[in-house]
């Protein structure tokens, strides 16, 4: 069983990497919010709540790293899909380089 320090450290680590995980998840394909939450859980083993995800998506859009569009669904309820911008791709590459450099020191 992990001690409290390690649990807190892992939480902070994941929180710090969350923008990277989101950009990485949107690199290959656009996704809507809930789908993105599920993808992060499945592929990055990172549990994210809606109250964390949607403000982050808004911030990443304001920073011009993401773009969104509404798409009508057969059920009649439109979904907001997010995808990475060119600026987002550039920043994602820089983030990956920084992670790689800092892990090899």
N, C-alpha and C. Protein backbone atom coordinates (compact mmCIF):
# COMPACT_ATOMS: atom_id res chain seq x y z
N UNK A 1 0.84 -1.18 0.00
CA UNK A 1 0.00 0.00 0.00
C UNK A 1 0.89 1.25 0.00
N UNK A 2 0.51 2.23 -0.84
CA UNK A 2 1.31 3.45 -0.96
C UNK A 2 1.06 4.36 0.24
N UNK A 3 2.13 5.03 0.64
CA UNK A 3 1.96 5.98 1.73
C UNK A 3 1.33 7.27 1.20
N UNK A 4 0.91 8.10 2.10
CA UNK A 4 0.20 9.34 1.75
C UNK A 4 1.05 10.26 0.88
N UNK A 5 2.33 10.36 1.19
CA UNK A 5 3.23 11.21 0.40
C UNK A 5 3.24 10.78 -1.06
N UNK A 6 3.40 9.48 -1.31
CA UNK A 6 3.45 8.99 -2.70
C UNK A 6 2.14 9.19 -3.42
N UNK A 7 1.02 8.98 -2.76
CA UNK A 7 -0.28 9.21 -3.38
C UNK A 7 -0.43 10.67 -3.78
N UNK A 8 -0.06 11.59 -2.90
CA UNK A 8 -0.14 13.02 -3.20
C UNK A 8 0.80 13.40 -4.33
N UNK A 9 2.01 12.85 -4.31
CA UNK A 9 2.98 13.14 -5.35
C UNK A 9 2.48 12.68 -6.72
N UNK A 10 1.91 11.46 -6.78
CA UNK A 10 1.38 10.95 -8.04
C UNK A 10 0.22 11.81 -8.55
N UNK A 11 -0.62 12.27 -7.63
CA UNK A 11 -1.73 13.14 -8.01
C UNK A 11 -1.21 14.44 -8.62
N UNK A 12 -0.23 15.04 -7.98
CA UNK A 12 0.35 16.30 -8.50
C UNK A 12 1.07 16.08 -9.82
N UNK A 13 1.73 14.95 -9.97
CA UNK A 13 2.42 14.63 -11.22
C UNK A 13 1.42 14.52 -12.36
N UNK A 14 0.35 13.78 -12.15
CA UNK A 14 -0.68 13.63 -13.18
C UNK A 14 -1.34 14.96 -13.50
N UNK A 15 -1.59 15.77 -12.47
CA UNK A 15 -2.20 17.07 -12.68
C UNK A 15 -1.30 17.95 -13.54
N UNK A 16 0.00 17.90 -13.28
CA UNK A 16 0.95 18.68 -14.05
C UNK A 16 1.08 18.21 -15.49
N UNK A 17 0.89 16.93 -15.72
CA UNK A 17 1.00 16.36 -17.06
C UNK A 17 -0.32 16.37 -17.82
N UNK A 18 -1.39 16.75 -17.18
CA UNK A 18 -2.71 16.68 -17.82
C UNK A 18 -2.80 17.44 -19.14
N UNK A 19 -2.29 18.68 -19.24
CA UNK A 19 -2.34 19.35 -20.55
C UNK A 19 -1.60 18.56 -21.64
N UNK A 20 -0.48 17.96 -21.28
CA UNK A 20 0.26 17.12 -22.22
C UNK A 20 -0.58 15.92 -22.65
N UNK A 21 -1.20 15.25 -21.68
CA UNK A 21 -2.04 14.09 -22.00
C UNK A 21 -3.18 14.47 -22.93
N UNK A 22 -3.80 15.61 -22.69
CA UNK A 22 -4.93 16.06 -23.52
C UNK A 22 -4.45 16.33 -24.95
N UNK A 23 -3.37 17.08 -25.08
CA UNK A 23 -2.85 17.36 -26.42
C UNK A 23 -2.44 16.07 -27.13
N UNK A 24 -1.80 15.18 -26.40
CA UNK A 24 -1.36 13.90 -26.97
C UNK A 24 -2.58 13.08 -27.43
N UNK A 25 -3.63 13.07 -26.64
CA UNK A 25 -4.83 12.31 -26.98
C UNK A 25 -5.53 12.89 -28.21
N UNK A 26 -5.44 14.21 -28.39
CA UNK A 26 -6.09 14.86 -29.52
C UNK A 26 -5.19 14.95 -30.75
N UNK A 27 -3.97 14.52 -30.61
CA UNK A 27 -3.03 14.55 -31.73
C UNK A 27 -3.51 13.66 -32.88
N UNK A 28 -4.00 12.49 -32.54
CA UNK A 28 -4.38 11.52 -33.57
C UNK A 28 -5.81 11.72 -34.08
N UNK A 29 -6.71 12.15 -33.20
CA UNK A 29 -8.10 12.33 -33.63
C UNK A 29 -8.84 13.28 -32.71
N UNK A 30 -9.85 13.92 -33.28
CA UNK A 30 -10.68 14.82 -32.49
C UNK A 30 -11.59 13.99 -31.59
N UNK A 31 -11.96 14.57 -30.47
CA UNK A 31 -12.81 13.87 -29.49
C UNK A 31 -13.70 14.89 -28.79
N UNK A 32 -14.84 14.42 -28.32
CA UNK A 32 -15.68 15.27 -27.48
C UNK A 32 -15.28 15.04 -26.02
N UNK A 33 -15.72 15.92 -25.13
CA UNK A 33 -15.25 15.94 -23.75
C UNK A 33 -15.30 14.61 -23.02
N UNK A 34 -16.48 13.99 -22.99
CA UNK A 34 -16.61 12.74 -22.24
C UNK A 34 -15.74 11.64 -22.86
N UNK A 35 -15.68 11.60 -24.18
CA UNK A 35 -14.83 10.63 -24.87
C UNK A 35 -13.37 10.83 -24.50
N UNK A 36 -12.96 12.08 -24.38
CA UNK A 36 -11.59 12.41 -23.99
C UNK A 36 -11.31 11.95 -22.56
N UNK A 37 -12.26 12.16 -21.66
CA UNK A 37 -12.11 11.70 -20.27
C UNK A 37 -11.91 10.18 -20.25
N UNK A 38 -12.71 9.46 -21.02
CA UNK A 38 -12.58 7.99 -21.07
C UNK A 38 -11.25 7.57 -21.68
N UNK A 39 -10.81 8.28 -22.71
CA UNK A 39 -9.53 7.96 -23.36
C UNK A 39 -8.37 8.14 -22.39
N UNK A 40 -8.39 9.23 -21.63
CA UNK A 40 -7.32 9.46 -20.65
C UNK A 40 -7.30 8.37 -19.59
N UNK A 41 -8.48 7.93 -19.20
CA UNK A 41 -8.57 6.86 -18.21
C UNK A 41 -8.00 5.55 -18.78
N UNK A 42 -8.39 5.22 -19.99
CA UNK A 42 -7.98 3.96 -20.60
C UNK A 42 -6.51 3.95 -21.04
N UNK A 43 -6.07 5.02 -21.69
CA UNK A 43 -4.73 5.02 -22.28
C UNK A 43 -3.64 5.60 -21.40
N UNK A 44 -4.00 6.51 -20.48
CA UNK A 44 -3.00 7.15 -19.63
C UNK A 44 -3.18 6.80 -18.16
N UNK A 45 -4.16 5.93 -17.87
CA UNK A 45 -4.45 5.55 -16.49
C UNK A 45 -4.63 6.77 -15.59
N UNK A 46 -5.34 7.77 -16.14
CA UNK A 46 -5.54 9.03 -15.44
C UNK A 46 -7.02 9.33 -15.31
N UNK A 47 -7.50 9.35 -14.09
CA UNK A 47 -8.91 9.67 -13.82
C UNK A 47 -9.07 11.18 -13.78
N UNK A 48 -9.96 11.69 -14.61
CA UNK A 48 -10.21 13.13 -14.67
C UNK A 48 -11.72 13.34 -14.57
N UNK A 49 -12.12 14.29 -13.74
CA UNK A 49 -13.54 14.60 -13.63
C UNK A 49 -13.91 15.66 -14.65
N UNK A 50 -15.19 15.79 -14.91
CA UNK A 50 -15.68 16.83 -15.83
C UNK A 50 -15.33 18.21 -15.31
N UNK A 51 -15.36 18.38 -13.98
CA UNK A 51 -15.07 19.70 -13.40
C UNK A 51 -13.59 20.07 -13.54
N UNK A 52 -12.74 19.11 -13.86
CA UNK A 52 -11.34 19.39 -14.15
C UNK A 52 -11.14 19.53 -15.66
N UNK A 53 -11.77 18.65 -16.42
CA UNK A 53 -11.54 18.59 -17.86
C UNK A 53 -12.03 19.82 -18.60
N UNK A 54 -13.27 20.24 -18.36
CA UNK A 54 -13.82 21.31 -19.18
C UNK A 54 -13.13 22.67 -18.96
N UNK A 55 -12.77 23.04 -17.74
CA UNK A 55 -11.99 24.28 -17.59
C UNK A 55 -10.62 24.18 -18.28
N UNK A 56 -10.01 23.00 -18.25
CA UNK A 56 -8.73 22.81 -18.93
C UNK A 56 -8.90 22.97 -20.44
N UNK A 57 -9.95 22.37 -21.00
CA UNK A 57 -10.20 22.51 -22.44
C UNK A 57 -10.43 23.97 -22.81
N UNK A 58 -11.15 24.69 -21.98
CA UNK A 58 -11.38 26.12 -22.22
C UNK A 58 -10.06 26.89 -22.20
N UNK A 59 -9.22 26.60 -21.22
CA UNK A 59 -7.92 27.27 -21.12
C UNK A 59 -7.04 26.96 -22.32
N UNK A 60 -7.02 25.70 -22.74
CA UNK A 60 -6.20 25.32 -23.90
C UNK A 60 -6.70 25.98 -25.18
N UNK A 61 -8.02 26.19 -25.26
CA UNK A 61 -8.56 26.92 -26.41
C UNK A 61 -8.15 28.39 -26.37
N UNK A 62 -8.23 29.01 -25.21
CA UNK A 62 -7.83 30.41 -25.08
C UNK A 62 -6.36 30.60 -25.42
N UNK A 63 -5.55 29.59 -25.12
CA UNK A 63 -4.12 29.64 -25.44
C UNK A 63 -3.85 29.22 -26.89
N UNK A 64 -4.93 28.95 -27.62
CA UNK A 64 -4.89 28.59 -29.04
C UNK A 64 -4.14 27.29 -29.32
N UNK A 65 -4.22 26.37 -28.35
CA UNK A 65 -3.63 25.05 -28.53
C UNK A 65 -4.66 24.05 -29.04
N UNK A 66 -5.93 24.36 -28.81
CA UNK A 66 -7.05 23.54 -29.26
C UNK A 66 -8.06 24.39 -30.01
N UNK A 67 -8.83 23.72 -30.85
CA UNK A 67 -9.95 24.33 -31.55
C UNK A 67 -11.13 23.40 -31.32
N UNK A 68 -12.33 23.96 -31.34
CA UNK A 68 -13.51 23.11 -31.16
C UNK A 68 -14.55 23.42 -32.22
N UNK A 69 -15.45 22.46 -32.39
CA UNK A 69 -16.57 22.65 -33.31
C UNK A 69 -17.74 21.80 -32.81
N UNK A 70 -18.93 22.31 -33.05
CA UNK A 70 -20.13 21.57 -32.68
C UNK A 70 -20.53 20.67 -33.84
N UNK A 71 -20.86 19.42 -33.52
CA UNK A 71 -21.30 18.47 -34.54
C UNK A 71 -22.64 17.88 -34.12
N UNK A 72 -23.61 17.99 -35.01
CA UNK A 72 -24.93 17.42 -34.75
C UNK A 72 -24.83 15.90 -34.69
N UNK A 73 -25.61 15.31 -33.81
CA UNK A 73 -25.63 13.86 -33.63
C UNK A 73 -26.97 13.31 -34.09
N UNK A 74 -27.02 12.04 -34.46
CA UNK A 74 -28.30 11.45 -34.86
C UNK A 74 -29.37 11.56 -33.76
N UNK A 75 -28.94 11.63 -32.51
CA UNK A 75 -29.89 11.75 -31.40
C UNK A 75 -30.45 13.17 -31.30
N UNK A 76 -29.86 14.10 -32.07
CA UNK A 76 -30.33 15.47 -32.05
C UNK A 76 -29.62 16.38 -31.09
N UNK A 77 -28.79 15.82 -30.22
CA UNK A 77 -28.04 16.62 -29.25
C UNK A 77 -26.63 16.82 -29.80
N UNK A 78 -26.25 18.07 -30.13
CA UNK A 78 -24.91 18.27 -30.69
C UNK A 78 -23.82 18.06 -29.63
N UNK A 79 -22.65 17.67 -30.11
CA UNK A 79 -21.49 17.49 -29.23
C UNK A 79 -20.40 18.44 -29.68
N UNK A 80 -19.67 18.94 -28.70
CA UNK A 80 -18.54 19.82 -28.98
C UNK A 80 -17.29 18.96 -29.09
N UNK A 81 -16.71 18.92 -30.28
CA UNK A 81 -15.49 18.15 -30.53
C UNK A 81 -14.29 19.07 -30.47
N UNK A 82 -13.22 18.56 -29.88
CA UNK A 82 -11.98 19.32 -29.74
C UNK A 82 -10.91 18.67 -30.61
N UNK A 83 -10.07 19.51 -31.20
CA UNK A 83 -8.93 18.98 -31.93
C UNK A 83 -7.75 19.92 -31.77
N UNK A 84 -6.58 19.37 -31.97
CA UNK A 84 -5.35 20.11 -31.72
C UNK A 84 -5.09 21.07 -32.88
N UNK A 85 -4.63 22.27 -32.56
CA UNK A 85 -4.29 23.27 -33.57
C UNK A 85 -2.83 23.09 -33.97
N UNK A 86 -2.40 23.82 -34.98
CA UNK A 86 -0.99 23.78 -35.38
C UNK A 86 -0.11 24.27 -34.24
N UNK A 87 -0.55 25.33 -33.56
CA UNK A 87 0.16 25.84 -32.39
C UNK A 87 0.22 24.76 -31.29
N UNK A 88 -0.86 24.01 -31.14
CA UNK A 88 -0.90 22.92 -30.18
C UNK A 88 0.10 21.83 -30.51
N UNK A 89 0.22 21.52 -31.81
CA UNK A 89 1.19 20.49 -32.24
C UNK A 89 2.62 20.95 -31.94
N UNK A 90 2.89 22.22 -32.20
CA UNK A 90 4.22 22.77 -31.94
C UNK A 90 4.54 22.69 -30.45
N UNK A 91 3.57 23.09 -29.62
CA UNK A 91 3.77 23.05 -28.17
C UNK A 91 3.86 21.63 -27.65
N UNK A 92 3.10 20.71 -28.22
CA UNK A 92 3.16 19.31 -27.82
C UNK A 92 4.56 18.75 -28.08
N UNK A 93 5.12 19.07 -29.23
CA UNK A 93 6.48 18.60 -29.56
C UNK A 93 7.49 19.16 -28.56
N UNK A 94 7.33 20.44 -28.20
CA UNK A 94 8.25 21.06 -27.23
C UNK A 94 8.07 20.43 -25.84
N UNK A 95 6.84 20.12 -25.48
CA UNK A 95 6.57 19.49 -24.18
C UNK A 95 7.22 18.10 -24.14
N UNK A 96 7.05 17.34 -25.23
CA UNK A 96 7.64 16.01 -25.29
C UNK A 96 9.16 16.08 -25.18
N UNK A 97 9.75 17.04 -25.88
CA UNK A 97 11.21 17.21 -25.82
C UNK A 97 11.65 17.54 -24.39
N UNK A 98 10.91 18.42 -23.74
CA UNK A 98 11.24 18.81 -22.37
C UNK A 98 11.13 17.61 -21.42
N UNK A 99 10.08 16.82 -21.57
CA UNK A 99 9.90 15.63 -20.73
C UNK A 99 11.07 14.67 -20.96
N UNK A 100 11.39 14.42 -22.24
CA UNK A 100 12.49 13.49 -22.56
C UNK A 100 13.82 13.98 -21.98
N UNK A 101 14.09 15.27 -22.12
CA UNK A 101 15.35 15.83 -21.63
C UNK A 101 15.43 15.75 -20.10
N UNK A 102 14.34 16.04 -19.43
CA UNK A 102 14.35 16.05 -17.97
C UNK A 102 14.37 14.65 -17.36
N UNK A 103 13.90 13.66 -18.10
CA UNK A 103 13.92 12.30 -17.58
C UNK A 103 15.27 11.62 -17.80
N UNK A 104 16.07 12.18 -18.69
CA UNK A 104 17.37 11.55 -18.96
C UNK A 104 18.52 12.22 -18.21
N UNK A 105 18.20 13.21 -17.41
CA UNK A 105 19.26 13.90 -16.65
C UNK A 105 19.69 13.10 -15.46
